[in-house]
């Protein structure tokens, strides 16, 4: 297995006092001399290629302290992966821990190309793993570089390589024995070797005596060969889109804004900050609210009259995308259950669901920068932020025969672009409802059961004991890797669609 090592900088490849990144070439020379014999013994058959072409500056070492990472640096890293994609079986990217969770959220959106409904058009088929360390890999001595005893760097590097052998086709992050989905990871410690956690998704893999798959279901990768980045045309598409995003990124700045206690009478610092950001040309605001998305409105008695509420309304009216997330590490934004957050929807904010703040930030910026290239309007952009595009949030608007093929009692689907819901009520069974709550379609009224989507797209409903209550007629054309999508048409009416691997509509569910 041939693995490409891309070194961006960070603690893992730093030396000296104070620590500063060494050049990728110097790190590669030390790694080949000191680490290669040990890796060859523990991971036989693995060929490492250190790619030294990635530079973030024409000055000095060209490496990057991740504290100074800029959004366009994500594009540089993604470009390096795409350039080397055809010649390698996997990638390990060395990165600083300060912003590794931002890069882990951004790269999946840059390396995977989806259409407006979230269906892959050019998809990762190989592992791309970020890793780093809390302590440097090497120490500089009068005799030259030596392995830094006591550091977590070697274990993380070898663990990332071992997990690459599992060939999980995702952008992942490896730290302290755990392979996490990159866009679900959060940095939680500056002192422990367990520096990252994934509050809403278990590890994709773990290492110990060997590497093994974890409890989380990995993304399935391309649904067909022509949708894989192995395909030259798909890779060309990804490169072209990446270039367009890179060129537009600086014109679509996004800020994060934390909720904090502020005075309600008179002028509000938070309202001023929002107004100043809009005046400065900001294109997106990601809120880190309290709890389930509760943000101070600026008025304790009437939220709609609060200065902050008015500032956010003005922002959305000016075309700024406002995404409401939460500052709680293990939290998610619900349906604005509390009065303190209910006004957010009226102000035009989009719920971030269970996205991390880093994922919400990267997603808002990248999709905003990509909108002109794809021809997405404001409504499409808002819907895409709510959809799961690369596993960064729960997939709330679809069943996927390869990933989540069953709608169990107590579960539901919600359209990302409207108020439609497909509810599996434990007592009354499955029902499709519109904005008014009226039932538009029910395959087996008042018959509790499970809705199952097999790979061939023949949707069916079964009772708990396995009795078939209803089955969709065979699709109009042969189908593999089926997906059931709930969306709304331009008039806001619910639409259930069955789609195949090629992304073309196969059939509509009768109602």
Protein backbone atom coordinates (compact mmCIF):
# COMPACT_ATOMS: atom_id res chain seq x y z
CA UNK A 1 0.00 0.00 0.00
CA UNK A 2 1.46 3.34 -1.07
CA UNK A 3 0.78 6.21 1.34
CA UNK A 4 1.43 9.86 0.56
CA UNK A 5 2.61 11.92 3.54
CA UNK A 6 1.76 15.62 3.33
CA UNK A 7 3.37 17.81 5.98
CA UNK A 8 1.65 21.13 6.63
CA UNK A 9 3.55 21.92 9.84
CA UNK A 10 2.39 21.94 13.45
CA UNK A 11 3.86 20.63 16.68
CA UNK A 12 4.53 17.16 15.29
CA UNK A 13 7.16 18.51 12.90
CA UNK A 14 8.48 21.36 15.05
CA UNK A 15 11.83 21.65 16.81
CA UNK A 16 13.75 24.21 18.82
CA UNK A 17 12.90 26.59 21.63
CA UNK A 18 10.51 28.22 21.06
CA UNK A 19 9.07 25.49 18.85
CA UNK A 20 8.96 26.32 15.16
CA UNK A 21 8.03 24.13 12.15
CA UNK A 22 10.92 22.54 10.29
CA UNK A 23 10.72 22.27 6.53
CA UNK A 24 8.84 19.34 5.03
CA UNK A 25 12.06 18.19 3.36
CA UNK A 26 14.02 18.14 6.62
CA UNK A 27 11.21 16.29 8.41
CA UNK A 28 11.03 13.76 5.56
CA UNK A 29 14.79 13.17 5.70
CA UNK A 30 14.65 12.53 9.46
CA UNK A 31 11.57 10.32 9.15
CA UNK A 32 13.13 8.17 6.44
CA UNK A 33 16.33 7.76 8.46
CA UNK A 34 14.85 7.27 11.94
CA UNK A 35 11.27 6.07 11.52
CA UNK A 36 11.29 4.07 8.29
CA UNK A 37 13.04 0.96 9.69
CA UNK A 38 10.57 0.71 12.59
CA UNK A 39 7.54 1.29 10.34
CA UNK A 40 8.78 -1.31 7.84
CA UNK A 41 9.02 -3.85 10.65
CA UNK A 42 5.59 -3.11 12.16
CA UNK A 43 3.65 -2.38 8.94
CA UNK A 44 5.20 -4.60 6.26
CA UNK A 45 4.24 -3.87 2.70
CA UNK A 46 3.58 -0.20 3.35
CA UNK A 47 5.43 2.22 1.08
CA UNK A 48 5.70 5.80 2.31
CA UNK A 49 6.13 8.73 -0.06
CA UNK A 50 6.91 12.09 1.55
CA UNK A 51 5.50 14.79 -0.73
CA UNK A 52 7.39 18.03 -0.11
CA UNK A 53 5.58 20.12 -2.72
CA UNK A 54 3.02 21.67 -0.34
CA UNK A 55 4.15 25.13 0.75
CA UNK A 56 2.18 27.92 2.42
CA UNK A 57 4.77 30.64 1.94
CA UNK A 58 7.70 31.38 -0.31
CA UNK A 59 9.71 32.38 2.76
CA UNK A 60 11.45 30.27 5.38
CA UNK A 61 10.45 26.62 5.72
CA UNK A 62 7.18 27.07 3.85
CA UNK A 63 5.41 25.18 6.65
CA UNK A 64 2.42 26.51 8.55
CA UNK A 65 1.83 27.03 12.25
CA UNK A 66 -1.83 26.05 12.24
CA UNK A 67 -2.66 29.01 14.48
CA UNK A 68 -2.15 31.14 11.36
CA UNK A 69 -4.17 28.92 9.03
CA UNK A 70 -6.40 30.80 6.58
CA UNK A 71 -9.44 29.36 4.75
CA UNK A 72 -7.62 29.33 1.41
CA UNK A 73 -4.99 27.08 3.01
CA UNK A 74 -7.69 24.38 3.08
CA UNK A 75 -7.76 24.68 -0.71
CA UNK A 76 -3.97 24.27 -0.91
CA UNK A 77 -4.14 21.05 1.10
CA UNK A 78 -7.07 19.70 -0.93
CA UNK A 79 -5.25 20.56 -4.16
CA UNK A 80 -2.18 18.62 -3.01
CA UNK A 81 -4.35 15.56 -2.33
CA UNK A 82 -6.06 15.76 -5.72
CA UNK A 83 -2.74 16.19 -7.52
CA UNK A 84 -1.34 13.03 -5.93
CA UNK A 85 -4.59 11.05 -5.84
CA UNK A 86 -4.01 8.77 -8.81
CA UNK A 87 -0.57 7.66 -7.63
CA UNK A 88 -1.36 6.66 -4.03
CA UNK A 89 -3.64 4.38 -2.05
CA UNK A 90 -4.10 6.74 0.87
CA UNK A 91 -2.92 9.95 2.50
CA UNK A 92 -1.67 11.00 5.93
CA UNK A 93 -1.60 14.76 6.52
CA UNK A 94 0.52 16.11 9.37
CA UNK A 95 -1.17 19.16 10.87
CA UNK A 96 -1.09 21.41 13.92
CA UNK A 97 -3.71 20.72 16.57
CA UNK A 98 -4.91 24.33 17.02
CA UNK A 99 -7.03 24.27 13.87
CA UNK A 100 -7.02 20.58 12.95
CA UNK A 101 -10.77 20.36 13.65
CA UNK A 102 -11.41 23.25 11.22
CA UNK A 103 -9.36 21.53 8.51
CA UNK A 104 -11.06 18.23 9.32
CA UNK A 105 -14.40 19.92 8.68
CA UNK A 106 -13.33 21.74 5.51
CA UNK A 107 -11.48 19.07 3.53
CA UNK A 108 -14.43 16.66 3.11
CA UNK A 109 -16.42 19.48 1.50
CA UNK A 110 -13.53 20.35 -0.81
CA UNK A 111 -12.61 16.80 -1.81
CA UNK A 112 -16.16 15.52 -2.29
CA UNK A 113 -18.38 17.15 -4.91
CA UNK A 114 -22.16 16.89 -4.42
CA UNK A 115 -25.16 18.25 -6.24
CA UNK A 116 -27.68 20.53 -4.54
CA UNK A 117 -29.47 17.57 -2.94
CA UNK A 118 -26.27 16.15 -1.45
CA UNK A 119 -25.76 13.31 -3.94
CA UNK A 120 -22.10 12.63 -4.74
CA UNK A 121 -20.78 13.53 -8.17
CA UNK A 122 -17.07 13.08 -7.32
CA UNK A 123 -16.42 11.15 -4.12
CA UNK A 124 -13.43 10.07 -2.03
CA UNK A 125 -12.57 6.40 -2.48
CA UNK A 126 -9.37 6.38 -0.40
CA UNK A 127 -8.49 7.21 3.21
CA UNK A 128 -7.24 10.73 3.92
CA UNK A 129 -6.16 11.00 7.56
CA UNK A 130 -5.15 14.08 9.54
CA UNK A 131 -2.86 13.58 12.50
CA UNK A 132 -0.50 15.57 14.69
CA UNK A 133 0.84 15.55 18.20
CA UNK A 134 0.93 17.38 21.50
CA UNK A 135 4.73 17.03 21.54
CA UNK A 136 7.23 17.09 18.64
CA UNK A 137 8.32 13.94 16.84
CA UNK A 138 12.03 14.80 17.03
CA UNK A 139 14.48 16.64 19.24
CA UNK A 140 17.38 18.66 17.94
CA UNK A 141 20.69 17.63 19.57
CA UNK A 142 24.34 18.44 18.82
CA UNK A 143 24.48 15.05 17.09
CA UNK A 144 21.39 15.84 14.98
CA UNK A 145 17.72 14.97 15.20
CA UNK A 146 16.65 12.10 17.45
CA UNK A 147 13.27 10.59 18.26
CA UNK A 148 11.61 12.54 21.07
CA UNK A 149 11.07 9.94 23.79
CA UNK A 150 7.77 10.42 25.61
CA UNK A 151 6.07 12.18 22.71
CA UNK A 152 2.73 11.01 21.32
CA UNK A 153 3.91 11.83 17.80
CA UNK A 154 5.26 8.43 16.77
CA UNK A 155 2.21 6.58 18.11
CA UNK A 156 -0.14 8.95 16.27
CA UNK A 157 1.83 8.69 13.04
CA UNK A 158 1.96 4.89 13.12
CA UNK A 159 -1.68 4.70 14.21
CA UNK A 160 -2.75 6.83 11.26
CA UNK A 161 -0.80 4.54 8.92
CA UNK A 162 -2.35 1.43 10.48
CA UNK A 163 -5.85 2.89 10.07
CA UNK A 164 -5.09 3.80 6.46
CA UNK A 165 -4.77 0.05 5.82
CA UNK A 166 -8.46 -0.30 6.69
CA UNK A 167 -9.15 1.76 3.53
CA UNK A 168 -12.04 3.74 5.00
CA UNK A 169 -12.98 6.22 2.24
CA UNK A 170 -13.27 9.28 4.45
CA UNK A 171 -11.44 12.36 5.61
CA UNK A 172 -10.63 11.26 9.15
CA UNK A 173 -8.59 12.47 12.13
CA UNK A 174 -6.39 10.12 14.14
CA UNK A 175 -5.32 10.90 17.69
CA UNK A 176 -4.52 8.83 20.78
CA UNK A 177 -5.63 5.49 19.38
CA UNK A 178 -8.89 6.66 17.79
CA UNK A 179 -9.83 7.40 14.19
CA UNK A 180 -12.58 10.02 14.21
CA UNK A 181 -14.61 11.40 11.34
CA UNK A 182 -12.79 14.66 10.61
CA UNK A 183 -15.86 16.88 10.46
CA UNK A 184 -17.18 15.51 13.76
CA UNK A 185 -14.00 16.06 15.80
CA UNK A 186 -13.49 18.75 18.43
CA UNK A 187 -10.28 19.66 20.21
CA UNK A 188 -10.91 19.18 23.95
CA UNK A 189 -7.50 19.31 25.62
CA UNK A 190 -4.15 21.07 25.36
CA UNK A 191 -2.48 18.90 28.01
CA UNK A 192 -3.70 15.32 27.50
CA UNK A 193 -2.65 13.10 24.63
CA UNK A 194 -6.37 12.47 24.06
CA UNK A 195 -6.68 15.93 22.52
CA UNK A 196 -9.75 15.30 20.34
CA UNK A 197 -13.20 13.86 20.88
CA UNK A 198 -16.24 13.23 18.69
CA UNK A 199 -19.31 13.97 20.83
CA UNK A 200 -21.94 12.84 18.29
CA UNK A 201 -20.25 9.94 16.52
CA UNK A 202 -18.22 6.99 17.87
CA UNK A 203 -14.77 6.29 16.40
CA UNK A 204 -14.53 4.96 12.87
CA UNK A 205 -11.62 2.79 14.02
CA UNK A 206 -9.32 2.21 16.98
CA UNK A 207 -5.80 0.90 17.43
CA UNK A 208 -4.16 -1.24 20.06
CA UNK A 209 -2.28 -4.42 19.26
CA UNK A 210 -3.76 -3.93 15.77
CA UNK A 211 -6.25 -1.62 14.07
CA UNK A 212 -9.95 -2.49 13.97
CA UNK A 213 -13.16 -0.88 12.76
CA UNK A 214 -15.08 1.12 15.34
CA UNK A 215 -18.77 1.35 16.17
CA UNK A 216 -19.57 4.17 13.75
CA UNK A 217 -20.67 3.21 10.26
CA UNK A 218 -18.19 4.69 7.81
CA UNK A 219 -19.36 6.63 4.78
CA UNK A 220 -19.82 4.15 1.93
CA UNK A 221 -17.73 5.97 -0.66
CA UNK A 222 -18.67 6.30 -4.35
CA UNK A 223 -21.92 4.69 -5.43
CA UNK A 224 -20.50 3.89 -8.88
CA UNK A 225 -17.02 3.88 -10.48
CA UNK A 226 -17.65 7.01 -12.55
CA UNK A 227 -18.46 8.92 -9.34
CA UNK A 228 -15.10 8.08 -7.74
CA UNK A 229 -12.13 10.43 -7.59
CA UNK A 230 -10.23 7.55 -9.18
CA UNK A 231 -12.06 8.46 -12.39
CA UNK A 232 -10.12 11.18 -14.29
CA UNK A 233 -13.30 13.05 -15.23
CA UNK A 234 -14.55 13.10 -11.64
CA UNK A 235 -11.15 14.29 -10.49
CA UNK A 236 -11.17 17.02 -13.14
CA UNK A 237 -14.58 18.12 -11.87
CA UNK A 238 -13.26 18.26 -8.29
CA UNK A 239 -10.21 20.27 -9.39
CA UNK A 240 -12.31 22.74 -11.36
CA UNK A 241 -14.71 23.27 -8.48
CA UNK A 242 -11.84 23.61 -6.00
CA UNK A 243 -10.25 26.33 -8.15
CA UNK A 244 -13.54 28.25 -8.25
CA UNK A 245 -13.94 28.02 -4.46
CA UNK A 246 -10.34 29.11 -3.91
CA UNK A 247 -10.86 32.16 -6.13
CA UNK A 248 -14.10 33.11 -4.35
CA UNK A 249 -13.22 32.27 -0.74
CA UNK A 250 -11.94 35.71 0.28
CA UNK A 251 -15.16 37.31 -1.00
CA UNK A 252 -17.28 35.15 1.31
CA UNK A 253 -15.94 35.74 4.82
CA UNK A 254 -17.74 34.10 7.75
CA UNK A 255 -17.48 34.90 11.44
CA UNK A 256 -18.28 32.97 14.60
CA UNK A 257 -20.08 34.83 17.35
CA UNK A 258 -20.43 33.48 20.88
CA UNK A 259 -23.44 34.14 23.06
CA UNK A 260 -22.48 35.91 26.25
CA UNK A 261 -24.42 37.75 28.97
CA UNK A 262 -25.01 41.32 27.80
CA UNK A 263 -27.11 44.25 28.93
CA UNK A 264 -30.61 44.48 27.49
CA UNK A 265 -31.30 48.13 28.13
CA UNK A 266 -29.84 50.61 25.70
CA UNK A 267 -27.19 49.67 23.17
CA UNK A 268 -26.18 46.01 22.87
CA UNK A 269 -22.56 45.03 22.19
CA UNK A 270 -23.72 41.90 20.38
CA UNK A 271 -26.09 43.89 18.16
CA UNK A 272 -23.30 46.33 17.33
CA UNK A 273 -20.95 43.47 16.47
CA UNK A 274 -23.51 41.96 14.10
CA UNK A 275 -24.23 45.31 12.47
CA UNK A 276 -20.53 46.11 12.06
CA UNK A 277 -19.86 42.68 10.54
CA UNK A 278 -22.66 43.13 7.99
CA UNK A 279 -21.41 46.62 7.13
CA UNK A 280 -17.92 45.16 6.60
CA UNK A 281 -19.25 42.71 3.99
CA UNK A 282 -19.53 39.50 5.98
CA UNK A 283 -21.42 36.75 4.11
CA UNK A 284 -22.11 34.35 6.96
CA UNK A 285 -22.50 34.38 10.75
CA UNK A 286 -22.22 31.18 12.78
CA UNK A 287 -23.70 31.65 16.24
CA UNK A 288 -22.44 29.63 19.18
CA UNK A 289 -25.59 29.85 21.25
CA UNK A 290 -26.46 28.56 24.68
CA UNK A 291 -28.01 25.11 25.11
CA UNK A 292 -30.26 24.02 22.24
CA UNK A 293 -29.65 27.16 20.21
CA UNK A 294 -30.85 29.83 22.62
CA UNK A 295 -29.38 33.25 21.86
CA UNK A 296 -30.05 36.50 23.76
CA UNK A 297 -32.46 38.65 21.75
CA UNK A 298 -31.64 41.94 23.43
CA UNK A 299 -35.04 42.25 25.14
CA UNK A 300 -36.24 40.06 28.01
CA UNK A 301 -39.93 40.90 27.48
CA UNK A 302 -40.38 40.92 23.70
CA UNK A 303 -37.70 39.13 21.70
CA UNK A 304 -38.88 40.61 18.39
CA UNK A 305 -38.13 44.10 19.72
CA UNK A 306 -34.66 43.24 20.96
CA UNK A 307 -31.66 44.93 19.40
CA UNK A 308 -29.95 41.59 18.69
CA UNK A 309 -33.06 40.14 17.04
CA UNK A 310 -33.38 43.24 14.85
CA UNK A 311 -29.68 43.07 13.95
CA UNK A 312 -29.96 39.41 12.88
CA UNK A 313 -33.11 40.11 10.86
CA UNK A 314 -31.29 42.95 9.11
CA UNK A 315 -28.37 40.61 8.43
CA UNK A 316 -30.56 37.94 6.80
CA UNK A 317 -32.41 40.59 4.79
CA UNK A 318 -29.02 41.77 3.52
CA UNK A 319 -28.31 38.24 2.24
CA UNK A 320 -26.10 37.12 5.12
CA UNK A 321 -26.45 33.43 6.02
CA UNK A 322 -27.04 33.05 9.77
CA UNK A 323 -26.46 29.57 11.20
CA UNK A 324 -27.49 28.88 14.79
CA UNK A 325 -25.21 26.38 16.53
CA UNK A 326 -24.40 25.68 20.15
CA UNK A 327 -21.36 26.27 22.33
CA UNK A 328 -22.08 23.01 24.22
CA UNK A 329 -19.54 20.39 23.15
CA UNK A 330 -22.04 17.55 23.32
CA UNK A 331 -25.06 19.59 22.33
CA UNK A 332 -27.19 20.08 19.27
CA UNK A 333 -29.73 22.62 18.13
CA UNK A 334 -33.25 21.25 18.20
CA UNK A 335 -36.51 22.74 16.95
CA UNK A 336 -36.14 25.93 19.01
CA UNK A 337 -38.16 24.49 21.88
CA UNK A 338 -37.47 27.37 24.27
CA UNK A 339 -38.90 30.86 23.90
CA UNK A 340 -35.34 32.16 24.23
CA UNK A 341 -34.52 30.49 20.92
CA UNK A 342 -37.88 30.35 19.13
CA UNK A 343 -37.41 33.82 17.65
CA UNK A 344 -34.28 32.62 15.81
CA UNK A 345 -36.30 30.98 13.04
CA UNK A 346 -38.35 34.16 12.62
CA UNK A 347 -35.10 36.08 12.27
CA UNK A 348 -34.08 33.77 9.42
CA UNK A 349 -31.47 31.66 11.22
CA UNK A 350 -30.73 28.11 10.05
CA UNK A 351 -30.37 25.38 12.65
CA UNK A 352 -26.93 23.75 12.69
CA UNK A 353 -28.40 20.57 14.15
CA UNK A 354 -25.59 18.47 15.59
CA UNK A 355 -22.79 20.06 13.57
CA UNK A 356 -19.76 21.21 15.53
CA UNK A 357 -19.10 24.96 15.42
CA UNK A 358 -16.05 24.24 13.24
CA UNK A 359 -18.10 22.21 10.78
CA UNK A 360 -20.82 24.87 10.63
CA UNK A 361 -18.19 27.55 9.99
CA UNK A 362 -16.35 25.66 7.25
CA UNK A 363 -19.58 24.51 5.60
CA UNK A 364 -21.10 27.99 5.51
CA UNK A 365 -17.96 29.52 4.02
CA UNK A 366 -17.25 26.80 1.45
CA UNK A 367 -20.84 26.51 0.21
CA UNK A 368 -21.16 30.30 0.01
CA UNK A 369 -17.97 30.44 -2.04
CA UNK A 370 -19.20 27.60 -4.28
CA UNK A 371 -22.70 29.01 -4.86
CA UNK A 372 -21.86 31.18 -7.86
CA UNK A 373 -19.93 28.38 -9.57
CA UNK A 374 -22.87 25.97 -9.20
CA UNK A 375 -25.60 28.54 -9.77
CA UNK A 376 -27.22 27.95 -6.37
CA UNK A 377 -29.69 30.57 -5.18
CA UNK A 378 -30.15 31.64 -1.55
CA UNK A 379 -32.85 29.03 -0.85
CA UNK A 380 -30.69 26.23 -2.24
CA UNK A 381 -27.71 27.37 -0.18
CA UNK A 382 -29.78 27.43 3.02
CA UNK A 383 -31.14 23.94 2.34
CA UNK A 384 -27.66 22.56 1.62
CA UNK A 385 -26.35 23.87 4.93
CA UNK A 386 -29.01 21.78 6.65
CA UNK A 387 -28.30 18.64 4.60
CA UNK A 388 -25.57 16.14 5.43
CA UNK A 389 -23.11 16.37 2.55
CA UNK A 390 -20.12 14.46 3.94
CA UNK A 391 -21.34 13.06 7.25
CA UNK A 392 -20.87 16.35 9.11
CA UNK A 393 -24.37 16.16 10.64
CA UNK A 394 -27.20 13.69 11.03
CA UNK A 395 -28.86 12.78 7.74
CA UNK A 396 -32.36 14.06 8.46
CA UNK A 397 -33.96 14.21 4.99
CA UNK A 398 -33.26 10.77 3.50
CA UNK A 399 -32.95 7.03 3.79
CA UNK A 400 -29.83 5.62 2.17
CA UNK A 401 -29.75 1.91 1.35
CA UNK A 402 -25.99 1.82 2.01
CA UNK A 403 -25.93 3.90 5.20
CA UNK A 404 -29.28 4.26 6.99
CA UNK A 405 -31.87 2.11 5.19
CA UNK A 406 -34.56 1.84 7.90
CA UNK A 407 -37.04 4.32 9.39
CA UNK A 408 -37.97 2.79 12.73
CA UNK A 409 -40.96 3.67 14.96
CA UNK A 410 -40.24 6.96 16.73
CA UNK A 411 -38.03 8.23 13.92
CA UNK A 412 -38.82 10.77 11.21
CA UNK A 413 -37.40 12.54 8.18
CA UNK A 414 -37.60 16.31 7.71
CA UNK A 415 -37.19 18.19 4.45
CA UNK A 416 -34.21 20.55 4.42
CA UNK A 417 -36.04 23.05 2.21
CA UNK A 418 -39.51 23.15 3.78
CA UNK A 419 -41.85 21.94 6.50
CA UNK A 420 -42.56 18.45 5.15
CA UNK A 421 -42.06 15.46 7.43
CA UNK A 422 -42.19 11.68 7.03
CA UNK A 423 -43.09 10.46 10.51
CA UNK A 424 -43.07 6.89 11.76
CA UNK A 425 -45.47 7.14 14.68
CA UNK A 426 -45.13 4.16 17.09
CA UNK A 427 -48.93 3.83 17.30
CA UNK A 428 -50.28 5.08 13.98
CA UNK A 429 -47.53 4.10 11.57
CA UNK A 430 -45.91 6.00 8.71
CA UNK A 431 -47.33 9.26 7.37
CA UNK A 432 -46.12 12.03 5.09
CA UNK A 433 -47.28 15.45 6.29
CA UNK A 434 -47.03 18.96 4.88
CA UNK A 435 -46.72 22.37 6.51
CA UNK A 436 -50.31 22.19 7.78
CA UNK A 437 -49.71 18.82 9.43
CA UNK A 438 -52.28 17.00 7.28
CA UNK A 439 -51.46 13.48 6.15
CA UNK A 440 -50.72 13.36 2.42
CA UNK A 441 -49.60 9.75 2.14
CA UNK A 442 -49.58 6.70 4.40
CA UNK A 443 -48.64 3.26 3.05
CA UNK A 444 -50.40 1.40 5.88
CA UNK A 445 -52.64 3.69 7.97
CA UNK A 446 -52.73 2.91 11.69
CA UNK A 447 -50.42 -0.08 11.22
CA UNK A 448 -47.15 0.38 13.15
CA UNK A 449 -44.05 -0.90 11.41
CA UNK A 450 -40.69 -0.17 9.82
CA UNK A 451 -40.03 1.51 6.48
CA UNK A 452 -37.16 -0.27 4.73
CA UNK A 453 -35.21 0.80 1.64
CA UNK A 454 -33.25 -2.06 0.03
CA UNK A 455 -30.48 -1.40 -2.52
CA UNK A 456 -32.84 -2.11 -5.44
CA UNK A 457 -35.09 0.80 -4.40
CA UNK A 458 -38.23 -1.26 -3.77
CA UNK A 459 -39.43 0.55 -0.68
CA UNK A 460 -41.45 -1.58 1.75
CA UNK A 461 -43.19 -1.38 5.10
CA UNK A 462 -43.06 -4.30 7.57
CA UNK A 463 -44.72 -5.01 10.90
CA UNK A 464 -42.48 -5.74 13.91
CA UNK A 465 -42.86 -9.49 13.25
CA UNK A 466 -41.76 -9.11 9.61
CA UNK A 467 -45.14 -9.20 7.89
CA UNK A 468 -45.19 -7.06 4.73
CA UNK A 469 -47.75 -4.25 5.02
CA UNK A 470 -46.96 -2.50 1.75
CA UNK A 471 -44.37 -2.60 -1.01
CA UNK A 472 -43.57 -0.12 -3.72
CA UNK A 473 -43.89 -1.34 -7.29
CA UNK A 474 -40.62 -2.23 -8.96
CA UNK A 475 -38.75 0.91 -10.07
CA UNK A 476 -39.18 2.05 -13.66
CA UNK A 477 -35.50 1.34 -14.36
CA UNK A 478 -32.91 -0.95 -12.75
CA UNK A 479 -31.52 0.66 -9.63
CA UNK A 480 -28.61 0.06 -7.27
CA UNK A 481 -27.61 1.94 -4.13
CA UNK A 482 -31.04 3.54 -3.81
CA UNK A 483 -31.81 6.65 -1.78
CA UNK A 484 -35.18 8.02 -0.65
CA UNK A 485 -35.14 11.83 -0.47
CA UNK A 486 -37.76 14.03 1.20
CA UNK A 487 -37.85 17.56 -0.20
CA UNK A 488 -40.31 20.30 -1.10
CA UNK A 489 -41.17 21.60 -4.54
CA UNK A 490 -41.09 25.35 -5.35
CA UNK A 491 -44.65 25.67 -4.04
CA UNK A 492 -43.65 24.10 -0.72
CA UNK A 493 -45.43 20.81 -1.33
CA UNK A 494 -43.76 17.59 -0.08
CA UNK A 495 -42.05 15.36 -2.62
CA UNK A 496 -40.70 11.86 -1.94
CA UNK A 497 -38.16 10.76 -4.53
CA UNK A 498 -36.32 7.52 -5.15
CA UNK A 499 -32.90 8.09 -6.68
CA UNK A 500 -30.27 5.73 -7.99
CA UNK A 501 -26.48 5.93 -8.04
CA UNK A 502 -26.44 8.15 -11.12
CA UNK A 503 -28.47 10.81 -9.32
CA UNK A 504 -31.31 10.69 -11.87
CA UNK A 505 -34.87 10.54 -10.57
CA UNK A 506 -36.08 6.95 -10.85
CA UNK A 507 -39.64 7.29 -9.63
CA UNK A 508 -41.89 9.21 -7.29
CA UNK A 509 -43.74 7.58 -4.41
CA UNK A 510 -47.50 7.59 -5.14
CA UNK A 511 -49.77 9.37 -2.69
